[in-house]
Amino acid sequence: MAYIGSLHTSLGFTEKLRSWLSWSWTYVCFIWFGMVLIMIYVLWSPLKLQETLTSVFLNTLTPKFYVALTGTSSLISGLILIFEWWYFRKYGTSFIEQVSVSHLRPLLGGVESSSATGLFSSVNGEAEPRPSVSECKVWRNPLNLFRGAEYNRYTWVTGKEPLTYYDMNLSAQDHQTFFTGDTQQLRPEDAVMQKAWRERNPQARIRAAYQAIEMNHECAAAYVLLAEEEATTITEAERLFKKALSIAGKDINLLVYIKRRLAMCARKLGRIKEAVKMMRDLMKEFPLLGMLNIHENLLEALLELQAYADVQAVLAKYDDISLPKSATICYTSALLKARAVSDKFSPEAASRRGLSTAEMNAVEAIHRAVEFNPHVPKYLLEMKSLILPPEHILKRGDSEAVAYAFFHLQHWKRAEGALNLLHCTWEGTFRIIPYPLEKGHLFYPYPGCTETADRELLPSFHEVSVYPKKELPFFILFTAGLCSFTAMLAMLTHQFPELMGVFAKAFFSTLFAPLGFFADKMESFMPSSFWHQLTQI
């Protein structure tokens, strides 16, 4: 207890010292500025500063000096501008502003950014956690592709890696949780597979899977890994998943994962009705596993069958106010309502006669979907190029938009006029949402953490969509103006050295004129022997 008391005392002294320093820091600058003015005044007459500045400094500088000065200033500000622009494109913020907020604000008594973003004030003034933290949770992509049969083939053709290390590391953690969750009863082959999921090298993972099969021919998790990563075709992956299903036993995690992937294999191989039946059976067998979002796989397969009545029945169950939303739910609902009116929709006719009830419902559904995820329309309208979807997505983020558009663009194209209706109405959403985004219209305010998470999930060659669009930081605009201005001065000084020399002398004379005026005024108030008395002291 004595130790705790002394610790609280030391912490209290530290906080008091820090608050005193923060309070006094503001006045230190004014004191220093005042001392500089006093020293200039004291030394103005004895050292003849005015004559020195005019005769020695200004008259001895040649035009070459001004060219070198302005050229060097332009070069330095240009380098700062390039670095600031690169940092802003890569990280979405200004480096100078970030350093200022991180290091200078605490010294000046401000609140650190980490604490500011993690808490907000409640009604009674107490700090509470922000709800945006849960909104930035990363979810498993319900329709993620197969690494060996799809992602690796993309790499072989383009030479680009479609998955980030962060995304693959999340998948490794998922697989460890699904297949080797009980660490107290690990069999030898399970320990090998647990290590295999953590391996960064794909070949090392595959070798570990074969090692586990050698230890136990009925190691289902090893066949799952081979189906995901070694199989180069969907047919081969399906064969390995069927082998894993036959030896999975009663492990619920394994059964659900394998049956879902088998249904996805059937969907990719064109056996869509079989895939729909497998998904429905899986949802009936394990009704409590709604968090796995198997209904999103079912919706996509039903849209491929153009079974719109069945799609509406699924939406009636899952598009509920008490259930979490997704881009698939919101945009599929908008697609069904748009499909009912889009084939006869005309912007010119609608502007003359107004929107009908069905058209108004379709427009409102589109606005609702765009508010939930504003990144999707640019992919559906092919204003941005698509890439392979990641294995994990961030709801309401660019990663979710890529994943949705990758699988559902064909369904929007199949509905005649649906994309035209989307093109005419989606931007109207932003006139409904309050700005700045302190509150939402139909959903919670759009979270501010999506850009950072999406940059971790999406490959570097993809330009991440950012909402709301960020304005250029002040320091980028400032350095751009400074670079342009100094470059113009350097060019003018090089072309017209005499004229610019006269201009520079006039500029410096005008700059120092207030200082001379201040000194003259001070001399009129001070006794003439003030400097002599000061030297005697």
Protein backbone atom coordinates (compact mmCIF):
# COMPACT_ATOMS: atom_id res chain seq x y z
CA MET A 1 0.00 0.00 0.00
CA ALA A 2 2.87 2.34 0.80
CA TYR A 3 4.35 1.62 -2.63
CA ILE A 4 1.02 2.39 -4.32
CA GLY A 5 0.73 5.62 -2.34
CA SER A 6 4.22 6.70 -3.35
CA LEU A 7 3.47 5.76 -6.95
CA HIS A 8 0.33 7.94 -6.95
CA THR A 9 2.34 10.77 -5.38
CA SER A 10 5.03 10.55 -8.07
CA LEU A 11 2.41 10.39 -10.82
CA GLY A 12 0.64 13.41 -9.36
CA PHE A 13 3.89 15.38 -9.25
CA THR A 14 4.66 14.39 -12.86
CA GLU A 15 1.22 15.51 -14.03
CA LYS A 16 1.55 18.81 -12.17
CA LEU A 17 4.99 19.39 -13.68
CA ARG A 18 3.72 18.59 -17.15
CA SER A 19 0.69 20.89 -16.77
CA TRP A 20 2.94 23.69 -15.52
CA LEU A 21 5.30 23.24 -18.46
CA SER A 22 2.34 23.21 -20.87
CA TRP A 23 0.97 26.39 -19.28
CA SER A 24 4.32 28.18 -19.30
CA TRP A 25 5.24 27.07 -22.84
CA THR A 26 2.79 29.56 -24.32
CA TYR A 27 4.46 32.46 -22.55
CA VAL A 28 8.05 31.40 -23.28
CA CYS A 29 7.69 32.38 -26.94
CA PHE A 30 6.42 35.85 -26.06
CA ILE A 31 9.22 36.36 -23.52
CA TRP A 32 11.85 35.27 -26.08
CA PHE A 33 10.37 37.55 -28.74
CA GLY A 34 10.37 40.47 -26.32
CA MET A 35 14.01 39.84 -25.35
CA VAL A 36 15.01 39.81 -29.03
CA LEU A 37 13.29 43.16 -29.60
CA ILE A 38 14.99 44.68 -26.55
CA MET A 39 18.41 43.44 -27.69
CA ILE A 40 17.89 44.83 -31.18
CA TYR A 41 16.90 48.15 -29.72
CA VAL A 42 19.91 48.17 -27.37
CA LEU A 43 22.35 47.33 -30.16
CA TRP A 44 20.67 49.43 -32.85
CA SER A 45 22.61 52.65 -32.27
CA PRO A 46 26.02 51.40 -30.95
CA LEU A 47 26.49 48.89 -33.74
CA LYS A 48 24.84 51.07 -36.39
CA LEU A 49 22.67 48.19 -37.51
CA GLN A 50 20.65 50.27 -39.96
CA GLU A 51 23.74 51.45 -41.85
CA THR A 52 25.25 47.97 -41.69
CA LEU A 53 22.17 46.34 -43.16
CA THR A 54 21.88 48.94 -45.90
CA SER A 55 25.50 49.40 -46.93
CA VAL A 56 27.15 46.08 -46.16
CA PHE A 57 24.36 43.52 -46.53
CA LEU A 58 22.19 44.86 -49.30
CA ASN A 59 24.79 46.67 -51.45
CA THR A 60 27.29 43.81 -51.51
CA LEU A 61 24.84 41.09 -52.66
CA THR A 62 25.03 40.37 -56.39
CA PRO A 63 22.22 39.08 -58.63
CA LYS A 64 23.91 35.66 -58.66
CA PHE A 65 23.30 35.43 -54.93
CA TYR A 66 19.59 36.06 -55.42
CA VAL A 67 19.43 33.45 -58.19
CA ALA A 68 21.16 30.91 -55.94
CA LEU A 69 18.94 31.81 -52.98
CA THR A 70 15.64 31.54 -54.84
CA GLY A 71 16.76 28.47 -56.80
CA THR A 72 17.83 26.63 -53.64
CA SER A 73 14.56 27.58 -51.92
CA SER A 74 12.59 26.30 -54.90
CA LEU A 75 14.55 23.03 -54.94
CA ILE A 76 14.11 22.37 -51.21
CA SER A 77 10.39 23.23 -51.22
CA GLY A 78 9.96 21.05 -54.33
CA LEU A 79 11.57 18.07 -52.60
CA ILE A 80 9.34 18.63 -49.55
CA LEU A 81 6.32 18.83 -51.86
CA ILE A 82 7.19 15.53 -53.58
CA PHE A 83 7.70 13.77 -50.26
CA GLU A 84 4.47 15.19 -48.79
CA TRP A 85 2.48 14.16 -51.88
CA TRP A 86 3.91 10.63 -51.82
CA TYR A 87 3.20 10.29 -48.09
CA PHE A 88 -0.36 11.58 -48.54
CA ARG A 89 -1.09 9.12 -51.39
CA LYS A 90 0.35 6.21 -49.43
CA TYR A 91 -0.94 6.92 -45.91
CA GLY A 92 -3.75 9.43 -46.46
CA THR A 93 -2.31 12.16 -44.24
CA SER A 94 0.37 14.84 -44.19
CA PHE A 95 3.72 13.87 -42.67
CA ILE A 96 4.31 17.36 -41.26
CA GLU A 97 0.84 17.50 -39.74
CA GLN A 98 1.23 14.01 -38.29
CA VAL A 99 4.54 14.89 -36.66
CA SER A 100 3.07 18.14 -35.35
CA VAL A 101 0.06 16.37 -33.82
CA SER A 102 2.11 13.50 -32.40
CA HIS A 103 5.00 15.47 -30.88
CA LEU A 104 4.12 19.15 -30.58
CA ARG A 105 0.51 18.96 -29.43
CA PRO A 106 1.32 17.08 -26.16
CA LEU A 107 4.01 19.68 -25.39
CA LEU A 108 1.49 22.47 -25.95
CA GLY A 109 -1.03 20.83 -23.64
CA GLY A 110 -3.26 19.26 -26.33
CA VAL A 111 -4.87 15.84 -26.22
CA GLU A 112 -3.02 13.05 -27.95
CA SER A 113 -4.65 11.74 -31.07
CA SER A 114 -4.80 8.14 -29.88
CA SER A 115 -6.87 9.00 -26.88
CA ALA A 116 -9.02 11.42 -28.83
CA THR A 117 -10.07 8.82 -31.36
CA GLY A 118 -10.71 6.12 -28.78
CA LEU A 119 -13.11 7.99 -26.49
CA PHE A 120 -16.03 10.32 -26.69
CA SER A 121 -17.94 12.24 -24.07
CA SER A 122 -21.29 10.97 -22.90
CA VAL A 123 -24.17 13.04 -21.64
CA ASN A 124 -22.81 13.17 -18.10
CA GLY A 125 -19.34 14.08 -19.29
CA GLU A 126 -17.71 10.69 -18.72
CA ALA A 127 -15.51 9.05 -21.34
CA GLU A 128 -16.95 6.11 -23.21
CA PRO A 129 -15.60 3.90 -26.01
CA ARG A 130 -16.43 5.04 -29.52
CA PRO A 131 -18.82 2.76 -31.42
CA SER A 132 -16.71 3.12 -34.57
CA VAL A 133 -14.19 0.60 -33.25
CA SER A 134 -16.63 -2.29 -33.72
CA GLU A 135 -17.64 -0.94 -37.13
CA CYS A 136 -14.06 -1.33 -38.34
CA LYS A 137 -13.97 -5.04 -37.57
CA VAL A 138 -12.57 -7.15 -40.41
CA TRP A 139 -14.79 -10.02 -41.58
CA ARG A 140 -14.10 -13.18 -43.53
CA ASN A 141 -15.17 -12.76 -47.16
CA PRO A 142 -18.09 -15.20 -47.65
CA LEU A 143 -17.19 -15.69 -51.33
CA ASN A 144 -13.39 -15.76 -51.05
CA LEU A 145 -11.60 -17.45 -53.92
CA PHE A 146 -9.36 -20.54 -53.88
CA ARG A 147 -5.67 -19.76 -53.57
CA GLY A 148 -4.30 -22.55 -55.74
CA ALA A 149 -6.98 -22.57 -58.44
CA GLU A 150 -7.66 -18.83 -58.67
CA TYR A 151 -5.33 -16.48 -56.79
CA ASN A 152 -2.15 -18.32 -57.85
CA ARG A 153 -3.26 -18.45 -61.49
CA TYR A 154 -3.61 -14.66 -61.41
CA THR A 155 -0.06 -14.41 -60.06
CA TRP A 156 1.27 -16.73 -62.78
CA VAL A 157 -0.32 -14.60 -65.52
CA THR A 158 0.32 -11.07 -64.21
CA GLY A 159 3.26 -11.51 -61.85
CA LYS A 160 1.34 -9.55 -59.16
CA GLU A 161 0.38 -10.76 -55.71
CA PRO A 162 -3.40 -10.31 -55.24
CA LEU A 163 -3.29 -10.93 -51.47
CA THR A 164 -1.50 -8.89 -48.84
CA TYR A 165 0.49 -10.44 -46.01
CA TYR A 166 -1.95 -8.93 -43.51
CA ASP A 167 -4.89 -10.61 -45.27
CA MET A 168 -3.15 -14.00 -45.42
CA ASN A 169 -2.13 -13.73 -41.77
CA LEU A 170 -5.78 -13.21 -40.82
CA SER A 171 -6.69 -16.32 -42.82
CA ALA A 172 -4.00 -18.30 -40.99
CA GLN A 173 -5.51 -17.23 -37.67
CA ASP A 174 -8.98 -18.23 -38.89
CA HIS A 175 -7.79 -21.67 -39.92
CA GLN A 176 -6.04 -22.24 -36.62
CA THR A 177 -9.24 -21.30 -34.81
CA PHE A 178 -11.49 -23.45 -37.04
CA PHE A 179 -9.42 -26.60 -37.20
CA THR A 180 -7.16 -26.67 -34.13
CA GLY A 181 -9.16 -24.74 -31.57
CA ASP A 182 -8.71 -27.13 -28.62
CA THR A 183 -5.02 -26.82 -27.80
CA GLN A 184 -5.37 -29.07 -24.75
CA GLN A 185 -6.04 -32.21 -26.83
CA LEU A 186 -3.78 -31.70 -29.84
CA ARG A 187 -2.78 -34.83 -31.70
CA PRO A 188 0.68 -34.92 -33.32
CA GLU A 189 -0.78 -34.24 -36.77
CA ASP A 190 -2.82 -31.36 -35.35
CA ALA A 191 0.35 -29.77 -33.98
CA VAL A 192 1.92 -30.08 -37.45
CA MET A 193 -1.14 -28.45 -39.06
CA GLN A 194 -1.19 -25.69 -36.49
CA LYS A 195 2.37 -24.87 -37.52
CA ALA A 196 1.46 -25.29 -41.20
CA TRP A 197 -1.21 -22.56 -41.08
CA ARG A 198 1.37 -20.15 -39.66
CA GLU A 199 3.94 -20.78 -42.41
CA ARG A 200 4.41 -17.81 -44.70
CA ASN A 201 5.83 -19.85 -47.59
CA PRO A 202 3.07 -21.73 -49.54
CA GLN A 203 5.38 -24.64 -50.34
CA ALA A 204 6.23 -25.02 -46.66
CA ARG A 205 2.51 -25.21 -45.84
CA ILE A 206 1.94 -27.88 -48.48
CA ARG A 207 4.91 -29.94 -47.24
CA ALA A 208 3.58 -29.72 -43.69
CA ALA A 209 0.17 -30.95 -44.90
CA TYR A 210 1.75 -34.02 -46.53
CA GLN A 211 3.72 -34.61 -43.33
CA ALA A 212 0.47 -34.58 -41.32
CA ILE A 213 -1.12 -37.05 -43.77
CA GLU A 214 1.87 -39.38 -43.35
CA MET A 215 1.33 -39.26 -39.60
CA ASN A 216 -2.43 -39.86 -39.94
CA HIS A 217 -4.12 -40.69 -43.24
CA GLU A 218 -7.41 -39.36 -41.84
CA CYS A 219 -6.21 -35.83 -41.11
CA ALA A 220 -9.04 -33.87 -42.72
CA ALA A 221 -7.46 -30.47 -42.09
CA ALA A 222 -4.45 -31.45 -44.22
CA TYR A 223 -6.70 -32.27 -47.19
CA VAL A 224 -8.44 -28.92 -46.70
CA LEU A 225 -5.09 -27.14 -46.98
CA LEU A 226 -4.17 -29.10 -50.11
CA ALA A 227 -7.56 -28.31 -51.67
CA GLU A 228 -7.15 -24.62 -50.94
CA GLU A 229 -3.52 -24.16 -51.96
CA GLU A 230 -2.13 -27.04 -54.04
CA ALA A 231 -5.09 -27.80 -56.29
CA THR A 232 -4.71 -25.84 -59.54
CA THR A 233 -8.29 -26.43 -60.77
CA ILE A 234 -11.70 -26.27 -59.10
CA THR A 235 -12.32 -29.90 -60.07
CA GLU A 236 -9.19 -31.03 -58.24
CA ALA A 237 -10.09 -28.88 -55.23
CA GLU A 238 -13.57 -30.45 -55.14
CA ARG A 239 -12.07 -33.96 -55.15
CA LEU A 240 -9.82 -33.12 -52.18
CA PHE A 241 -12.70 -31.52 -50.26
CA LYS A 242 -14.83 -34.64 -50.78
CA LYS A 243 -11.95 -36.72 -49.42
CA ALA A 244 -11.74 -34.40 -46.39
CA LEU A 245 -15.53 -34.62 -45.85
CA SER A 246 -15.43 -38.43 -45.78
CA ILE A 247 -12.94 -38.40 -42.88
CA ALA A 248 -14.02 -35.23 -41.04
CA GLY A 249 -15.95 -37.10 -38.36
CA LYS A 250 -18.09 -34.97 -36.03
CA ASP A 251 -15.97 -31.83 -36.02
CA ILE A 252 -18.61 -29.14 -36.66
CA ASN A 253 -16.11 -26.49 -37.75
CA LEU A 254 -14.59 -28.81 -40.32
CA LEU A 255 -17.99 -30.02 -41.57
CA VAL A 256 -19.37 -26.50 -42.06
CA TYR A 257 -16.21 -25.23 -43.77
CA ILE A 258 -15.90 -28.23 -46.11
CA LYS A 259 -19.60 -28.33 -47.09
CA ARG A 260 -19.58 -24.62 -47.81
CA ARG A 261 -16.50 -24.90 -50.02
CA LEU A 262 -18.03 -27.90 -51.81
CA ALA A 263 -21.12 -25.80 -52.53
CA MET A 264 -18.89 -23.04 -53.88
CA CYS A 265 -17.09 -25.57 -56.08
CA ALA A 266 -20.43 -26.72 -57.51
CA ARG A 267 -21.37 -23.08 -58.17
CA LYS A 268 -18.11 -22.39 -59.99
CA LEU A 269 -18.44 -25.58 -62.05
CA GLY A 270 -21.92 -24.60 -63.27
CA ARG A 271 -23.96 -26.97 -61.11
CA ILE A 272 -25.88 -24.07 -59.62
CA LYS A 273 -29.05 -25.88 -58.52
CA GLU A 274 -26.91 -28.43 -56.71
CA ALA A 275 -25.00 -25.59 -55.04
CA VAL A 276 -28.26 -23.92 -53.93
CA LYS A 277 -29.51 -27.18 -52.40
CA MET A 278 -26.22 -27.71 -50.55
CA MET A 279 -26.33 -24.17 -49.14
CA ARG A 280 -29.96 -24.50 -48.03
CA ASP A 281 -29.23 -27.84 -46.35
CA LEU A 282 -26.21 -26.35 -44.60
CA MET A 283 -28.25 -23.42 -43.28
CA LYS A 284 -30.95 -25.79 -42.00
CA GLU A 285 -28.45 -28.16 -40.41
CA PHE A 286 -26.55 -25.37 -38.61
CA PRO A 287 -29.05 -22.48 -38.14
CA LEU A 288 -27.01 -20.85 -35.38
CA LEU A 289 -24.04 -20.16 -37.66
CA GLY A 290 -25.54 -17.05 -39.25
CA MET A 291 -22.31 -15.17 -38.50
CA LEU A 292 -20.65 -17.12 -41.33
CA ASN A 293 -22.97 -15.30 -43.80
CA ILE A 294 -23.76 -18.40 -45.85
CA HIS A 295 -26.92 -16.61 -47.01
CA GLU A 296 -24.72 -14.29 -49.09
CA ASN A 297 -23.43 -17.31 -51.03
CA LEU A 298 -27.06 -18.41 -51.46
CA LEU A 299 -28.15 -14.98 -52.72
CA GLU A 300 -25.44 -14.91 -55.38
CA ALA A 301 -26.32 -18.41 -56.61
CA LEU A 302 -30.06 -17.61 -56.73
CA LEU A 303 -29.35 -14.44 -58.73
CA GLU A 304 -27.39 -16.57 -61.20
CA LEU A 305 -30.49 -18.78 -61.55
CA GLN A 306 -32.59 -15.60 -61.90
CA ALA A 307 -34.84 -16.97 -59.16
CA TYR A 308 -35.83 -13.50 -58.02
CA ALA A 309 -38.78 -14.68 -55.90
CA ASP A 310 -36.43 -16.90 -53.89
CA VAL A 311 -33.96 -14.00 -53.58
CA GLN A 312 -36.77 -11.84 -52.17
CA ALA A 313 -37.66 -14.57 -49.67
CA VAL A 314 -34.06 -14.72 -48.42
CA LEU A 315 -33.92 -10.92 -48.15
CA ALA A 316 -37.17 -10.90 -46.17
CA LYS A 317 -35.43 -13.04 -43.55
CA TYR A 318 -32.01 -11.39 -43.43
CA ASP A 319 -32.72 -7.74 -44.37
CA ASP A 320 -34.07 -7.09 -40.90
CA ILE A 321 -33.45 -4.02 -38.78
CA SER A 322 -32.11 -6.17 -35.93
CA LEU A 323 -29.54 -7.98 -38.10
CA PRO A 324 -26.19 -6.60 -39.33
CA LYS A 325 -26.20 -5.30 -42.87
CA SER A 326 -23.78 -5.84 -45.72
CA ALA A 327 -23.28 -4.55 -49.24
CA THR A 328 -24.76 -7.81 -50.58
CA ILE A 329 -27.98 -7.34 -48.60
CA CYS A 330 -28.42 -3.62 -49.40
CA TYR A 331 -27.46 -3.71 -53.08
CA THR A 332 -29.38 -6.93 -53.83
CA SER A 333 -32.49 -5.31 -52.34
CA ALA A 334 -31.84 -2.25 -54.52
CA LEU A 335 -31.34 -4.47 -57.59
CA LEU A 336 -34.70 -6.20 -57.14
CA LYS A 337 -36.55 -2.88 -56.82
CA ALA A 338 -34.62 -1.32 -59.69
CA ARG A 339 -35.29 -4.33 -61.92
CA ALA A 340 -39.05 -3.79 -61.57
CA VAL A 341 -38.91 -0.32 -63.17
CA SER A 342 -35.54 0.04 -64.90
CA ASP A 343 -36.52 -1.42 -68.27
CA LYS A 344 -38.92 1.52 -68.89
CA PHE A 345 -37.11 4.21 -66.88
CA SER A 346 -36.14 7.41 -68.67
CA PRO A 347 -34.58 10.42 -66.91
CA GLU A 348 -36.27 12.83 -69.33
CA ALA A 349 -39.71 11.30 -68.80
CA ALA A 350 -39.21 11.16 -65.04
CA SER A 351 -38.25 14.85 -64.94
CA ARG A 352 -41.45 15.77 -66.84
CA ARG A 353 -44.03 13.64 -65.03
CA GLY A 354 -42.21 12.94 -61.75
CA LEU A 355 -41.35 9.57 -60.24
CA SER A 356 -43.96 6.88 -59.78
CA THR A 357 -44.31 5.04 -56.48
CA ALA A 358 -42.33 2.05 -57.73
CA GLU A 359 -39.60 4.29 -59.14
CA MET A 360 -39.42 6.24 -55.89
CA ASN A 361 -39.02 2.97 -53.97
CA ALA A 362 -36.21 1.91 -56.30
CA VAL A 363 -34.43 5.26 -55.92
CA GLU A 364 -34.75 5.15 -52.14
CA ALA A 365 -33.34 1.60 -52.12
CA ILE A 366 -30.36 2.77 -54.20
CA HIS A 367 -29.79 5.72 -51.84
CA ARG A 368 -29.92 3.33 -48.87
CA ALA A 369 -27.36 1.01 -50.47
CA VAL A 370 -25.04 3.87 -51.43
CA GLU A 371 -25.19 5.30 -47.91
CA PHE A 372 -24.16 1.92 -46.51
CA ASN A 373 -21.25 1.51 -48.93
CA PRO A 374 -20.53 4.50 -51.21
CA HIS A 375 -17.64 2.74 -53.00
CA VAL A 376 -19.73 0.13 -54.85
CA PRO A 377 -21.32 2.24 -57.67
CA LYS A 378 -17.99 3.16 -59.27
CA TYR A 379 -17.19 -0.54 -59.70
CA LEU A 380 -20.68 -1.46 -60.94
CA LEU A 381 -20.61 1.44 -63.42
CA GLU A 382 -17.05 0.43 -64.41
CA MET A 383 -15.66 3.83 -63.47
CA LYS A 384 -12.93 1.97 -61.56
CA SER A 385 -11.20 -1.25 -62.58
CA LEU A 386 -11.89 -4.39 -60.58
CA ILE A 387 -9.30 -6.62 -58.95
CA LEU A 388 -9.56 -10.02 -57.32
CA PRO A 389 -11.39 -9.69 -53.99
CA PRO A 390 -9.40 -10.18 -50.77
CA GLU A 391 -9.99 -13.04 -48.33
CA HIS A 392 -11.19 -10.56 -45.70
CA ILE A 393 -13.34 -7.48 -46.09
CA LEU A 394 -14.22 -4.42 -44.09
CA LYS A 395 -17.93 -3.69 -44.09
CA ARG A 396 -18.73 -0.32 -45.69
CA GLY A 397 -15.15 -0.18 -46.99
CA ASP A 398 -13.52 -0.40 -50.41
CA SER A 399 -12.58 -4.05 -49.82
CA GLU A 400 -16.26 -4.99 -49.42
CA ALA A 401 -17.12 -2.99 -52.53
CA VAL A 402 -14.51 -4.88 -54.57
CA ALA A 403 -15.77 -8.24 -53.28
CA TYR A 404 -19.42 -7.41 -54.00
CA ALA A 405 -18.88 -5.97 -57.48
CA PHE A 406 -16.57 -8.84 -58.48
CA PHE A 407 -19.40 -11.38 -58.10
CA HIS A 408 -22.53 -9.26 -58.66
CA LEU A 409 -21.65 -7.00 -61.60
CA GLN A 410 -22.97 -9.63 -64.01
CA HIS A 411 -26.34 -9.71 -62.21
CA TRP A 412 -26.73 -5.93 -62.54
CA LYS A 413 -25.86 -6.12 -66.23
CA ARG A 414 -28.44 -8.86 -66.73
CA ALA A 415 -31.26 -6.63 -65.40
CA GLU A 416 -32.07 -4.32 -68.31
CA GLY A 417 -31.71 -0.65 -67.41
CA ALA A 418 -30.65 -1.28 -63.79
CA LEU A 419 -27.19 0.21 -64.26
CA ASN A 420 -28.71 3.20 -66.07
CA LEU A 421 -31.02 3.86 -63.10
CA LEU A 422 -28.06 3.50 -60.73
CA HIS A 423 -26.03 5.92 -62.85
CA CYS A 424 -28.79 8.55 -62.77
CA THR A 425 -29.54 8.39 -59.05
CA TRP A 426 -26.62 7.19 -56.93
CA GLU A 427 -24.92 10.57 -56.50
CA GLY A 428 -28.13 12.04 -55.09
CA THR A 429 -27.40 10.09 -51.89
CA PHE A 430 -24.73 12.59 -50.86
CA ARG A 431 -27.29 15.43 -50.81
CA ILE A 432 -29.25 13.49 -48.17
CA ILE A 433 -26.38 12.56 -45.87
CA PRO A 434 -25.46 15.37 -43.43
CA TYR A 435 -22.06 16.95 -43.99
CA PRO A 436 -19.79 16.91 -42.12
CA LEU A 437 -20.65 13.32 -41.33
CA GLU A 438 -21.49 13.83 -37.68
CA LYS A 439 -24.59 11.64 -38.12
CA GLY A 440 -25.98 9.31 -40.73
CA HIS A 441 -29.34 9.23 -42.47
CA LEU A 442 -30.39 5.57 -42.35
CA PHE A 443 -27.24 4.07 -40.83
CA TYR A 444 -24.63 5.04 -38.28
CA PRO A 445 -22.17 7.76 -39.37
CA TYR A 446 -19.63 6.49 -41.85
CA PRO A 447 -16.58 5.28 -39.86
CA GLY A 448 -13.30 7.10 -40.34
CA CYS A 449 -11.08 4.02 -40.03
CA THR A 450 -11.99 2.32 -43.32
CA GLU A 451 -9.16 3.80 -45.39
CA THR A 452 -6.40 2.51 -43.09
CA ALA A 453 -7.90 -1.00 -42.87
CA ASP A 454 -8.55 -1.19 -46.63
CA ARG A 455 -4.94 -0.24 -47.38
CA GLU A 456 -3.89 -3.26 -45.30
CA LEU A 457 -6.35 -5.62 -47.01
CA LEU A 458 -5.97 -4.54 -50.65
CA PRO A 459 -2.80 -4.92 -52.74
CA SER A 460 -0.53 -1.94 -53.27
CA PHE A 461 -1.21 -1.72 -57.03
CA HIS A 462 -4.89 -0.97 -56.33
CA GLU A 463 -5.92 2.64 -55.78
CA VAL A 464 -8.01 2.56 -52.61
CA SER A 465 -11.32 4.40 -52.83
CA VAL A 466 -11.65 6.97 -50.03
CA TYR A 467 -14.89 8.40 -48.64
CA PRO A 468 -15.47 11.17 -47.83
CA LYS A 469 -12.94 12.53 -50.30
CA LYS A 470 -10.08 14.06 -48.38
CA GLU A 471 -8.96 17.56 -49.18
CA LEU A 472 -5.29 18.16 -49.78
CA PRO A 473 -3.49 18.96 -46.52
CA PHE A 474 -2.45 22.57 -45.90
CA PHE A 475 1.28 21.81 -46.05
CA ILE A 476 1.01 20.30 -49.55
CA LEU A 477 -0.72 23.44 -50.81
CA PHE A 478 1.75 25.64 -48.93
CA THR A 479 4.86 23.89 -50.28
CA ALA A 480 3.37 23.85 -53.80
CA GLY A 481 2.83 27.63 -53.64
CA LEU A 482 6.26 28.22 -52.12
CA CYS A 483 7.98 26.08 -54.75
CA SER A 484 6.18 27.85 -57.60
CA PHE A 485 6.80 31.32 -56.17
CA THR A 486 10.54 30.80 -55.53
CA ALA A 487 10.99 29.14 -58.94
CA MET A 488 9.38 32.18 -60.60
CA LEU A 489 11.66 34.50 -58.61
CA ALA A 490 14.72 32.49 -59.64
CA MET A 491 13.75 32.69 -63.32
CA LEU A 492 13.03 36.43 -63.16
CA THR A 493 16.29 37.10 -61.30
CA HIS A 494 18.21 35.16 -63.92
CA GLN A 495 16.54 37.00 -66.81
CA PHE A 496 16.46 40.52 -65.26
CA PRO A 497 19.25 40.69 -62.68
CA GLU A 498 19.47 44.51 -62.35
CA LEU A 499 15.72 45.03 -62.03
CA MET A 500 15.34 42.20 -59.51
CA GLY A 501 18.33 43.54 -57.53
CA VAL A 502 16.61 46.91 -57.19
CA PHE A 503 13.41 45.13 -56.23
CA ALA A 504 15.22 43.03 -53.57
CA LYS A 505 16.84 46.12 -52.02
CA ALA A 506 13.49 47.91 -51.96
CA PHE A 507 11.84 44.86 -50.44
CA PHE A 508 14.39 44.49 -47.62
CA SER A 509 14.32 48.23 -46.94
CA THR A 510 10.55 48.10 -46.62
CA LEU A 511 10.82 44.98 -44.48
CA PHE A 512 13.16 46.66 -41.98
CA ALA A 513 11.35 50.00 -42.03
CA PRO A 514 8.88 49.08 -39.22
CA LEU A 515 11.84 48.01 -37.08
CA GLY A 516 13.54 51.35 -37.60
CA PHE A 517 10.30 53.18 -36.90
CA PHE A 518 9.89 51.21 -33.67
CA ALA A 519 13.48 52.02 -32.64
CA ASP A 520 12.98 55.74 -33.32
CA LYS A 521 9.82 55.76 -31.23
CA MET A 522 11.55 53.95 -28.40
CA GLU A 523 14.39 56.51 -28.46
CA SER A 524 11.88 59.35 -28.21
CA PHE A 525 10.44 57.81 -25.03
CA MET A 526 13.75 56.71 -23.48
CA PRO A 527 16.35 59.16 -22.10
CA SER A 528 19.24 59.88 -24.44
CA SER A 529 21.75 58.53 -21.92
CA PHE A 530 19.91 55.19 -21.58
CA TRP A 531 22.60 53.20 -23.41
CA HIS A 532 25.36 54.86 -21.37
CA GLN A 533 23.54 54.07 -18.09
CA LEU A 534 22.98 50.47 -19.25
CA THR A 535 26.67 49.97 -19.99
CA GLN A 536 27.57 51.40 -16.56
CA ILE A 537 25.34 48.78 -14.92
